[in-house]
């Protein structure tokens, strides 16, 4: 069985309050964002957040922290980390068919 995670020291957590406020830690990078979708590279793989009126209220990549507001309608993790040069969209097209 192959390892799904970056390392045993990797840490990623999120809290979601009333589907309107989300705090995340263990964020490595924000790959793309608009008011309907935010895609982030986390310690546990790529994470897509879909919703309405999504806004990044706070971003500190040095600390790996992100705060998001808006109506969260869907969360999805990829099974693997994005490989450089792959564009990432192919993974999400498979997840959100």
PDB file of N, CA and C in Angstrom:
ATOM      1  N   UNK A   1       0.849  -1.182   0.000  1.00  0.00           N
ATOM      2  CA  UNK A   1       0.000   0.000   0.000  1.00  0.00           C
ATOM      3  C   UNK A   1       0.890   1.239   0.000  1.00  0.00           C
ATOM      4  N   UNK A   2       0.622   2.178  -0.892  1.00  0.00           N
ATOM      5  CA  UNK A   2       1.443   3.380  -0.954  1.00  0.00           C
ATOM      6  C   UNK A   2       0.988   4.406   0.069  1.00  0.00           C
ATOM      7  N   UNK A   3       1.939   5.228   0.530  1.00  0.00           N
ATOM      8  CA  UNK A   3       1.616   6.271   1.491  1.00  0.00           C
ATOM      9  C   UNK A   3       0.842   7.383   0.812  1.00  0.00           C
ATOM     10  N   UNK A   4      -0.209   7.859   1.439  1.00  0.00           N
ATOM     11  CA  UNK A   4      -1.015   8.941   0.887  1.00  0.00           C
ATOM     12  C   UNK A   4      -0.560  10.294   1.388  1.00  0.00           C
ATOM     13  N   UNK A   5       0.186  10.343   2.467  1.00  0.00           N
ATOM     14  CA  UNK A   5       0.536  11.593   3.106  1.00  0.00           C
ATOM     15  C   UNK A   5       1.989  11.957   2.845  1.00  0.00           C
ATOM     16  N   UNK A   6       2.283  13.222   3.005  1.00  0.00           N
ATOM     17  CA  UNK A   6       3.621  13.737   2.744  1.00  0.00           C
ATOM     18  C   UNK A   6       4.630  13.135   3.708  1.00  0.00           C
ATOM     19  N   UNK A   7       4.355  13.185   4.989  1.00  0.00           N
ATOM     20  CA  UNK A   7       5.239  12.614   6.002  1.00  0.00           C
ATOM     21  C   UNK A   7       4.445  12.374   7.268  1.00  0.00           C
ATOM     22  N   UNK A   8       5.049  11.629   8.186  1.00  0.00           N
ATOM     23  CA  UNK A   8       4.357  11.376   9.443  1.00  0.00           C
ATOM     24  C   UNK A   8       4.289  12.638  10.304  1.00  0.00           C
ATOM     25  N   UNK A   9       5.109  13.644   9.993  1.00  0.00           N
ATOM     26  CA  UNK A   9       5.092  14.897  10.740  1.00  0.00           C
ATOM     27  C   UNK A   9       4.110  15.921  10.151  1.00  0.00           C
ATOM     28  N   UNK A  10       3.482  15.587   9.043  1.00  0.00           N
ATOM     29  CA  UNK A  10       2.543  16.509   8.406  1.00  0.00           C
ATOM     30  C   UNK A  10       1.332  16.725   9.316  1.00  0.00           C
ATOM     31  N   UNK A  11       0.839  17.960   9.334  1.00  0.00           N
ATOM     32  CA  UNK A  11      -0.316  18.302  10.161  1.00  0.00           C
ATOM     33  C   UNK A  11      -1.266  19.171   9.350  1.00  0.00           C
ATOM     34  N   UNK A  12      -2.519  18.793   9.338  1.00  0.00           N
ATOM     35  CA  UNK A  12      -3.530  19.569   8.631  1.00  0.00           C
ATOM     36  C   UNK A  12      -4.831  19.465   9.418  1.00  0.00           C
ATOM     37  N   UNK A  13      -5.492  20.592   9.593  1.00  0.00           N
ATOM     38  CA  UNK A  13      -6.747  20.612  10.339  1.00  0.00           C
ATOM     39  C   UNK A  13      -7.607  21.732   9.803  1.00  0.00           C
ATOM     40  N   UNK A  14      -8.930  21.528   9.829  1.00  0.00           N
ATOM     41  CA  UNK A  14      -9.830  22.634   9.540  1.00  0.00           C
ATOM     42  C   UNK A  14     -11.023  22.571  10.464  1.00  0.00           C
ATOM     43  N   UNK A  15     -11.578  23.740  10.741  1.00  0.00           N
ATOM     44  CA  UNK A  15     -12.830  23.841  11.476  1.00  0.00           C
ATOM     45  C   UNK A  15     -13.793  24.630  10.605  1.00  0.00           C
ATOM     46  N   UNK A  16     -15.032  24.205  10.632  1.00  0.00           N
ATOM     47  CA  UNK A  16     -16.076  24.844   9.837  1.00  0.00           C
ATOM     48  C   UNK A  16     -17.225  25.193  10.768  1.00  0.00           C
ATOM     49  N   UNK A  17     -17.579  26.465  10.822  1.00  0.00           N
ATOM     50  CA  UNK A  17     -18.629  26.945  11.704  1.00  0.00           C
ATOM     51  C   UNK A  17     -19.833  27.367  10.876  1.00  0.00           C
ATOM     52  N   UNK A  18     -20.953  26.663  11.058  1.00  0.00           N
ATOM     53  CA  UNK A  18     -22.222  26.978  10.385  1.00  0.00           C
ATOM     54  C   UNK A  18     -22.081  27.087   8.873  1.00  0.00           C
ATOM     55  N   UNK A  19     -21.139  26.357   8.295  1.00  0.00           N
ATOM     56  CA  UNK A  19     -20.872  26.369   6.852  1.00  0.00           C
ATOM     57  C   UNK A  19     -20.533  27.759   6.326  1.00  0.00           C
ATOM     58  N   UNK A  20     -20.172  28.713   7.221  1.00  0.00           N
ATOM     59  CA  UNK A  20     -19.914  30.088   6.794  1.00  0.00           C
ATOM     60  C   UNK A  20     -18.533  30.610   7.175  1.00  0.00           C
ATOM     61  N   UNK A  21     -17.864  29.994   8.139  1.00  0.00           N
ATOM     62  CA  UNK A  21     -16.530  30.414   8.554  1.00  0.00           C
ATOM     63  C   UNK A  21     -15.657  29.175   8.631  1.00  0.00           C
ATOM     64  N   UNK A  22     -14.486  29.251   8.001  1.00  0.00           N
ATOM     65  CA  UNK A  22     -13.594  28.104   7.970  1.00  0.00           C
ATOM     66  C   UNK A  22     -12.177  28.555   8.302  1.00  0.00           C
ATOM     67  N   UNK A  23     -11.571  27.869   9.265  1.00  0.00           N
ATOM     68  CA  UNK A  23     -10.177  28.102   9.628  1.00  0.00           C
ATOM     69  C   UNK A  23      -9.399  26.843   9.267  1.00  0.00           C
ATOM     70  N   UNK A  24      -8.276  27.016   8.570  1.00  0.00           N
ATOM     71  CA  UNK A  24      -7.460  25.891   8.150  1.00  0.00           C
ATOM     72  C   UNK A  24      -6.015  26.098   8.567  1.00  0.00           C
ATOM     73  N   UNK A  25      -5.341  25.011   8.922  1.00  0.00           N
ATOM     74  CA  UNK A  25      -3.906  25.028   9.171  1.00  0.00           C
ATOM     75  C   UNK A  25      -3.293  23.871   8.384  1.00  0.00           C
ATOM     76  N   UNK A  26      -1.996  23.976   8.133  1.00  0.00           N
ATOM     77  CA  UNK A  26      -1.331  22.962   7.313  1.00  0.00           C
ATOM     78  C   UNK A  26      -1.469  23.257   5.833  1.00  0.00           C
ATOM     79  N   UNK A  27      -1.616  24.535   5.494  1.00  0.00           N
ATOM     80  CA  UNK A  27      -1.757  24.951   4.095  1.00  0.00           C
ATOM     81  C   UNK A  27      -0.377  25.307   3.552  1.00  0.00           C
ATOM     82  N   UNK A  28      -0.031  24.734   2.421  1.00  0.00           N
ATOM     83  CA  UNK A  28       1.257  25.001   1.790  1.00  0.00           C
ATOM     84  C   UNK A  28       1.168  26.105   0.748  1.00  0.00           C
ATOM     85  N   UNK A  29       0.051  26.158   0.011  1.00  0.00           N
ATOM     86  CA  UNK A  29      -0.103  27.137  -1.059  1.00  0.00           C
ATOM     87  C   UNK A  29      -1.569  27.226  -1.460  1.00  0.00           C
ATOM     88  N   UNK A  30      -1.971  28.391  -1.937  1.00  0.00           N
ATOM     89  CA  UNK A  30      -3.294  28.549  -2.546  1.00  0.00           C
ATOM     90  C   UNK A  30      -3.067  28.490  -4.050  1.00  0.00           C
ATOM     91  N   UNK A  31      -3.571  27.448  -4.679  1.00  0.00           N
ATOM     92  CA  UNK A  31      -3.349  27.231  -6.110  1.00  0.00           C
ATOM     93  C   UNK A  31      -4.216  28.159  -6.958  1.00  0.00           C
ATOM     94  N   UNK A  32      -5.489  28.310  -6.590  1.00  0.00           N
ATOM     95  CA  UNK A  32      -6.395  29.203  -7.311  1.00  0.00           C
ATOM     96  C   UNK A  32      -7.581  29.522  -6.422  1.00  0.00           C
ATOM     97  N   UNK A  33      -8.228  30.644  -6.725  1.00  0.00           N
ATOM     98  CA  UNK A  33      -9.400  31.008  -5.941  1.00  0.00           C
ATOM     99  C   UNK A  33     -10.263  31.989  -6.720  1.00  0.00           C
ATOM    100  N   UNK A  34     -11.546  31.892  -6.486  1.00  0.00           N
ATOM    101  CA  UNK A  34     -12.521  32.885  -6.906  1.00  0.00           C
ATOM    102  C   UNK A  34     -13.675  32.780  -5.915  1.00  0.00           C
ATOM    103  N   UNK A  35     -14.772  33.460  -6.166  1.00  0.00           N
ATOM    104  CA  UNK A  35     -15.850  33.467  -5.167  1.00  0.00           C
ATOM    105  C   UNK A  35     -16.667  32.175  -5.142  1.00  0.00           C
ATOM    106  N   UNK A  36     -16.360  31.225  -6.038  1.00  0.00           N
ATOM    107  CA  UNK A  36     -17.084  29.954  -6.055  1.00  0.00           C
ATOM    108  C   UNK A  36     -16.212  28.735  -5.761  1.00  0.00           C
ATOM    109  N   UNK A  37     -14.874  28.892  -5.843  1.00  0.00           N
ATOM    110  CA  UNK A  37     -13.999  27.741  -5.611  1.00  0.00           C
ATOM    111  C   UNK A  37     -12.613  28.208  -5.154  1.00  0.00           C
ATOM    112  N   UNK A  38     -12.087  27.514  -4.159  1.00  0.00           N
ATOM    113  CA  UNK A  38     -10.727  27.747  -3.679  1.00  0.00           C
ATOM    114  C   UNK A  38     -10.017  26.404  -3.696  1.00  0.00           C
ATOM    115  N   UNK A  39      -8.846  26.364  -4.327  1.00  0.00           N
ATOM    116  CA  UNK A  39      -8.047  25.140  -4.381  1.00  0.00           C
ATOM    117  C   UNK A  39      -6.731  25.411  -3.678  1.00  0.00           C
ATOM    118  N   UNK A  40      -6.433  24.554  -2.683  1.00  0.00           N
ATOM    119  CA  UNK A  40      -5.230  24.727  -1.875  1.00  0.00           C
ATOM    120  C   UNK A  40      -4.429  23.444  -1.840  1.00  0.00           C
ATOM    121  N   UNK A  41      -3.116  23.606  -1.752  1.00  0.00           N
ATOM    122  CA  UNK A  41      -2.212  22.496  -1.523  1.00  0.00           C
ATOM    123  C   UNK A  41      -2.008  22.417  -0.017  1.00  0.00           C
ATOM    124  N   UNK A  42      -2.367  21.289   0.586  1.00  0.00           N
ATOM    125  CA  UNK A  42      -2.256  21.115   2.035  1.00  0.00           C
ATOM    126  C   UNK A  42      -1.207  20.050   2.346  1.00  0.00           C
ATOM    127  N   UNK A  43      -0.915  19.875   3.608  1.00  0.00           N
ATOM    128  CA  UNK A  43       0.005  18.836   4.047  1.00  0.00           C
ATOM    129  C   UNK A  43      -0.522  17.438   3.714  1.00  0.00           C
ATOM    130  N   UNK A  44      -1.828  17.318   3.437  1.00  0.00           N
ATOM    131  CA  UNK A  44      -2.442  16.033   3.151  1.00  0.00           C
ATOM    132  C   UNK A  44      -2.929  15.908   1.714  1.00  0.00           C
ATOM    133  N   UNK A  45      -2.474  16.777   0.826  1.00  0.00           N
ATOM    134  CA  UNK A  45      -2.884  16.720  -0.572  1.00  0.00           C
ATOM    135  C   UNK A  45      -3.688  17.946  -0.961  1.00  0.00           C
ATOM    136  N   UNK A  46      -4.166  17.959  -2.194  1.00  0.00           N
ATOM    137  CA  UNK A  46      -4.954  19.087  -2.680  1.00  0.00           C
ATOM    138  C   UNK A  46      -6.347  19.074  -2.075  1.00  0.00           C
ATOM    139  N   UNK A  47      -6.847  20.259  -1.758  1.00  0.00           N
ATOM    140  CA  UNK A  47      -8.185  20.424  -1.196  1.00  0.00           C
ATOM    141  C   UNK A  47      -8.933  21.442  -2.033  1.00  0.00           C
ATOM    142  N   UNK A  48     -10.130  21.074  -2.484  1.00  0.00           N
ATOM    143  CA  UNK A  48     -11.005  21.998  -3.206  1.00  0.00           C
ATOM    144  C   UNK A  48     -12.196  22.321  -2.322  1.00  0.00           C
ATOM    145  N   UNK A  49     -12.484  23.607  -2.208  1.00  0.00           N
ATOM    146  CA  UNK A  49     -13.640  24.077  -1.458  1.00  0.00           C
ATOM    147  C   UNK A  49     -14.534  24.791  -2.452  1.00  0.00           C
ATOM    148  N   UNK A  50     -15.782  24.339  -2.571  1.00  0.00           N
ATOM    149  CA  UNK A  50     -16.736  24.981  -3.472  1.00  0.00           C
ATOM    150  C   UNK A  50     -17.850  25.595  -2.649  1.00  0.00           C
ATOM    151  N   UNK A  51     -18.360  26.720  -3.135  1.00  0.00           N
ATOM    152  CA  UNK A  51     -19.437  27.381  -2.420  1.00  0.00           C
ATOM    153  C   UNK A  51     -19.869  28.654  -3.111  1.00  0.00           C
ATOM    154  N   UNK A  52     -20.424  29.557  -2.323  1.00  0.00           N
ATOM    155  CA  UNK A  52     -20.905  30.843  -2.831  1.00  0.00           C
ATOM    156  C   UNK A  52     -20.298  31.960  -1.995  1.00  0.00           C
ATOM    157  N   UNK A  53     -19.934  33.043  -2.661  1.00  0.00           N
ATOM    158  CA  UNK A  53     -19.366  34.226  -2.001  1.00  0.00           C
ATOM    159  C   UNK A  53     -18.176  33.878  -1.112  1.00  0.00           C
ATOM    160  N   UNK A  54     -17.296  33.002  -1.590  1.00  0.00           N
ATOM    161  CA  UNK A  54     -16.118  32.604  -0.826  1.00  0.00           C
ATOM    162  C   UNK A  54     -15.085  33.722  -0.861  1.00  0.00           C
ATOM    163  N   UNK A  55     -14.522  34.025   0.303  1.00  0.00           N
ATOM    164  CA  UNK A  55     -13.501  35.062   0.431  1.00  0.00           C
ATOM    165  C   UNK A  55     -12.400  34.556   1.355  1.00  0.00           C
ATOM    166  N   UNK A  56     -11.163  34.813   0.978  1.00  0.00           N
ATOM    167  CA  UNK A  56     -10.038  34.515   1.856  1.00  0.00           C
ATOM    168  C   UNK A  56      -9.854  35.742   2.742  1.00  0.00           C
ATOM    169  N   UNK A  57     -10.192  35.614   4.018  1.00  0.00           N
ATOM    170  CA  UNK A  57     -10.116  36.718   4.970  1.00  0.00           C
ATOM    171  C   UNK A  57      -8.715  36.895   5.534  1.00  0.00           C
ATOM    172  N   UNK A  58      -7.987  35.783   5.655  1.00  0.00           N
ATOM    173  CA  UNK A  58      -6.644  35.821   6.232  1.00  0.00           C
ATOM    174  C   UNK A  58      -5.824  34.733   5.556  1.00  0.00           C
ATOM    175  N   UNK A  59      -4.589  35.089   5.179  1.00  0.00           N
ATOM    176  CA  UNK A  59      -3.686  34.128   4.565  1.00  0.00           C
ATOM    177  C   UNK A  59      -2.282  34.366   5.103  1.00  0.00           C
ATOM    178  N   UNK A  60      -1.710  33.336   5.723  1.00  0.00           N
ATOM    179  CA  UNK A  60      -0.340  33.401   6.212  1.00  0.00           C
ATOM    180  C   UNK A  60       0.320  32.069   5.876  1.00  0.00           C
ATOM    181  N   UNK A  61       0.996  32.026   4.735  1.00  0.00           N
ATOM    182  CA  UNK A  61       1.610  30.776   4.298  1.00  0.00           C
ATOM    183  C   UNK A  61       2.829  30.413   5.137  1.00  0.00           C
ATOM    184  N   UNK A  62       3.473  31.407   5.755  1.00  0.00           N
ATOM    185  CA  UNK A  62       4.591  31.097   6.646  1.00  0.00           C
ATOM    186  C   UNK A  62       4.121  30.244   7.821  1.00  0.00           C
ATOM    187  N   UNK A  63       2.922  30.519   8.319  1.00  0.00           N
ATOM    188  CA  UNK A  63       2.335  29.747   9.413  1.00  0.00           C
ATOM    189  C   UNK A  63       1.411  28.637   8.901  1.00  0.00           C
ATOM    190  N   UNK A  64       1.114  28.638   7.596  1.00  0.00           N
ATOM    191  CA  UNK A  64       0.226  27.633   7.018  1.00  0.00           C
ATOM    192  C   UNK A  64      -1.229  27.837   7.388  1.00  0.00           C
ATOM    193  N   UNK A  65      -1.648  29.100   7.584  1.00  0.00           N
ATOM    194  CA  UNK A  65      -3.006  29.399   8.051  1.00  0.00           C
ATOM    195  C   UNK A  65      -3.825  30.116   6.976  1.00  0.00           C
ATOM    196  N   UNK A  66      -5.090  29.738   6.899  1.00  0.00           N
ATOM    197  CA  UNK A  66      -6.044  30.398   6.006  1.00  0.00           C
ATOM    198  C   UNK A  66      -7.382  30.490   6.730  1.00  0.00           C
ATOM    199  N   UNK A  67      -8.045  31.643   6.589  1.00  0.00           N
ATOM    200  CA  UNK A  67      -9.410  31.828   7.101  1.00  0.00           C
ATOM    201  C   UNK A  67     -10.287  32.192   5.909  1.00  0.00           C
ATOM    202  N   UNK A  68     -11.403  31.485   5.781  1.00  0.00           N
ATOM    203  CA  UNK A  68     -12.315  31.668   4.652  1.00  0.00           C
ATOM    204  C   UNK A  68     -13.707  31.959   5.179  1.00  0.00           C
ATOM    205  N   UNK A  69     -14.407  32.882   4.506  1.00  0.00           N
ATOM    206  CA  UNK A  69     -15.820  33.120   4.798  1.00  0.00           C
ATOM    207  C   UNK A  69     -16.621  32.899   3.517  1.00  0.00           C
ATOM    208  N   UNK A  70     -17.898  32.672   3.677  1.00  0.00           N
ATOM    209  CA  UNK A  70     -18.800  32.410   2.565  1.00  0.00           C
ATOM    210  C   UNK A  70     -19.536  31.108   2.824  1.00  0.00           C
ATOM    211  N   UNK A  71     -20.469  30.776   1.967  1.00  0.00           N
ATOM    212  CA  UNK A  71     -21.251  29.550   2.123  1.00  0.00           C
ATOM    213  C   UNK A  71     -20.488  28.375   1.531  1.00  0.00           C
ATOM    214  N   UNK A  72     -20.030  27.458   2.382  1.00  0.00           N
ATOM    215  CA  UNK A  72     -19.299  26.271   1.942  1.00  0.00           C
ATOM    216  C   UNK A  72     -20.314  25.192   1.581  1.00  0.00           C
ATOM    217  N   UNK A  73     -20.238  24.725   0.337  1.00  0.00           N
ATOM    218  CA  UNK A  73     -21.182  23.721  -0.140  1.00  0.00           C
ATOM    219  C   UNK A  73     -20.534  22.362  -0.382  1.00  0.00           C
ATOM    220  N   UNK A  74     -19.209  22.356  -0.596  1.00  0.00           N
ATOM    221  CA  UNK A  74     -18.547  21.095  -0.920  1.00  0.00           C
ATOM    222  C   UNK A  74     -17.059  21.173  -0.589  1.00  0.00           C
ATOM    223  N   UNK A  75     -16.532  20.090  -0.028  1.00  0.00           N
ATOM    224  CA  UNK A  75     -15.095  19.935   0.246  1.00  0.00           C
ATOM    225  C   UNK A  75     -14.649  18.631  -0.384  1.00  0.00           C
ATOM    226  N   UNK A  76     -13.488  18.647  -1.033  1.00  0.00           N
ATOM    227  CA  UNK A  76     -12.977  17.411  -1.627  1.00  0.00           C
ATOM    228  C   UNK A  76     -11.462  17.425  -1.600  1.00  0.00           C
ATOM    229  N   UNK A  77     -10.891  16.302  -1.168  1.00  0.00           N
ATOM    230  CA  UNK A  77      -9.445  16.113  -1.179  1.00  0.00           C
ATOM    231  C   UNK A  77      -9.081  15.198  -2.337  1.00  0.00           C
ATOM    232  N   UNK A  78      -7.906  15.434  -2.915  1.00  0.00           N
ATOM    233  CA  UNK A  78      -7.396  14.498  -3.910  1.00  0.00           C
ATOM    234  C   UNK A  78      -6.666  13.385  -3.177  1.00  0.00           C
ATOM    235  N   UNK A  79      -6.467  12.268  -3.836  1.00  0.00           N
ATOM    236  CA  UNK A  79      -5.755  11.142  -3.255  1.00  0.00           C
ATOM    237  C   UNK A  79      -4.257  11.379  -3.235  1.00  0.00           C
ATOM    238  N   UNK A  80      -3.776  12.269  -4.090  1.00  0.00           N
ATOM    239  CA  UNK A  80      -2.337  12.492  -4.187  1.00  0.00           C
ATOM    240  C   UNK A  80      -2.030  13.966  -4.298  1.00  0.00           C
ATOM    241  N   UNK A  81      -0.794  14.313  -4.022  1.00  0.00           N
ATOM    242  CA  UNK A  81      -0.353  15.693  -4.153  1.00  0.00           C
ATOM    243  C   UNK A  81      -0.175  16.019  -5.624  1.00  0.00           C
ATOM    244  N   UNK A  82      -0.387  17.280  -5.980  1.00  0.00           N
ATOM    245  CA  UNK A  82      -0.226  17.725  -7.358  1.00  0.00           C
ATOM    246  C   UNK A  82       1.245  17.643  -7.750  1.00  0.00           C
ATOM    247  N   UNK A  83       1.500  17.106  -8.912  1.00  0.00           N
ATOM    248  CA  UNK A  83       2.858  17.084  -9.436  1.00  0.00           C
ATOM    249  C   UNK A  83       3.088  18.363 -10.209  1.00  0.00           C
ATOM    250  N   UNK A  84       4.288  18.934 -10.086  1.00  0.00           N
ATOM    251  CA  UNK A  84       4.572  20.174 -10.785  1.00  0.00           C
ATOM    252  C   UNK A  84       4.452  19.954 -12.286  1.00  0.00           C
ATOM    253  N   UNK A  85       3.821  20.920 -12.947  1.00  0.00           N
ATOM    254  CA  UNK A  85       3.639  20.845 -14.388  1.00  0.00           C
ATOM    255  C   UNK A  85       2.393  20.096 -14.813  1.00  0.00           C
ATOM    256  N   UNK A  86       1.663  19.478 -13.883  1.00  0.00           N
ATOM    257  CA  UNK A  86       0.479  18.705 -14.267  1.00  0.00           C
ATOM    258  C   UNK A  86      -0.738  19.586 -14.459  1.00  0.00           C
ATOM    259  N   UNK A  87      -0.688  20.845 -13.966  1.00  0.00           N
ATOM    260  CA  UNK A  87      -1.818  21.735 -14.130  1.00  0.00           C
ATOM    261  C   UNK A  87      -2.883  21.543 -13.081  1.00  0.00           C
ATOM    262  N   UNK A  88      -2.999  20.352 -12.491  1.00  0.00           N
ATOM    263  CA  UNK A  88      -3.937  20.138 -11.408  1.00  0.00           C
ATOM    264  C   UNK A  88      -5.385  19.996 -11.832  1.00  0.00           C
ATOM    265  N   UNK A  89      -5.797  20.550 -12.949  1.00  0.00           N
ATOM    266  CA  UNK A  89      -7.200  20.544 -13.340  1.00  0.00           C
ATOM    267  C   UNK A  89      -7.696  19.132 -13.605  1.00  0.00           C
ATOM    268  N   UNK A  90      -6.853  18.236 -14.152  1.00  0.00           N
ATOM    269  CA  UNK A  90      -7.276  16.877 -14.444  1.00  0.00           C
ATOM    270  C   UNK A  90      -7.755  16.142 -13.203  1.00  0.00           C
ATOM    271  N   UNK A  91      -7.097  16.339 -12.075  1.00  0.00           N
ATOM    272  CA  UNK A  91      -7.506  15.721 -10.822  1.00  0.00           C
ATOM    273  C   UNK A  91      -8.902  16.189 -10.443  1.00  0.00           C
ATOM    274  N   UNK A  92      -9.136  17.486 -10.543  1.00  0.00           N
ATOM    275  CA  UNK A  92     -10.418  18.056 -10.113  1.00  0.00           C
ATOM    276  C   UNK A  92     -11.530  17.705 -11.082  1.00  0.00           C
ATOM    277  N   UNK A  93     -11.230  17.566 -12.347  1.00  0.00           N
ATOM    278  CA  UNK A  93     -12.260  17.133 -13.295  1.00  0.00           C
ATOM    279  C   UNK A  93     -12.738  15.729 -12.956  1.00  0.00           C
ATOM    280  N   UNK A  94     -11.811  14.856 -12.488  1.00  0.00           N
ATOM    281  CA  UNK A  94     -12.196  13.511 -12.082  1.00  0.00           C
ATOM    282  C   UNK A  94     -13.033  13.532 -10.804  1.00  0.00           C
ATOM    283  N   UNK A  95     -12.676  14.404  -9.860  1.00  0.00           N
ATOM    284  CA  UNK A  95     -13.399  14.464  -8.589  1.00  0.00           C
ATOM    285  C   UNK A  95     -14.791  15.055  -8.776  1.00  0.00           C
ATOM    286  N   UNK A  96     -14.905  16.141  -9.554  1.00  0.00           N
ATOM    287  CA  UNK A  96     -16.168  16.853  -9.704  1.00  0.00           C
ATOM    288  C   UNK A  96     -16.829  16.577 -11.040  1.00  0.00           C
ATOM    289  N   UNK A  97     -17.040  15.322 -11.370  1.00  0.00           N
ATOM    290  CA  UNK A  97     -17.703  14.969 -12.632  1.00  0.00           C
ATOM    291  C   UNK A  97     -19.142  15.348 -12.613  1.00  0.00           C
TER     292      UNK A  97
END
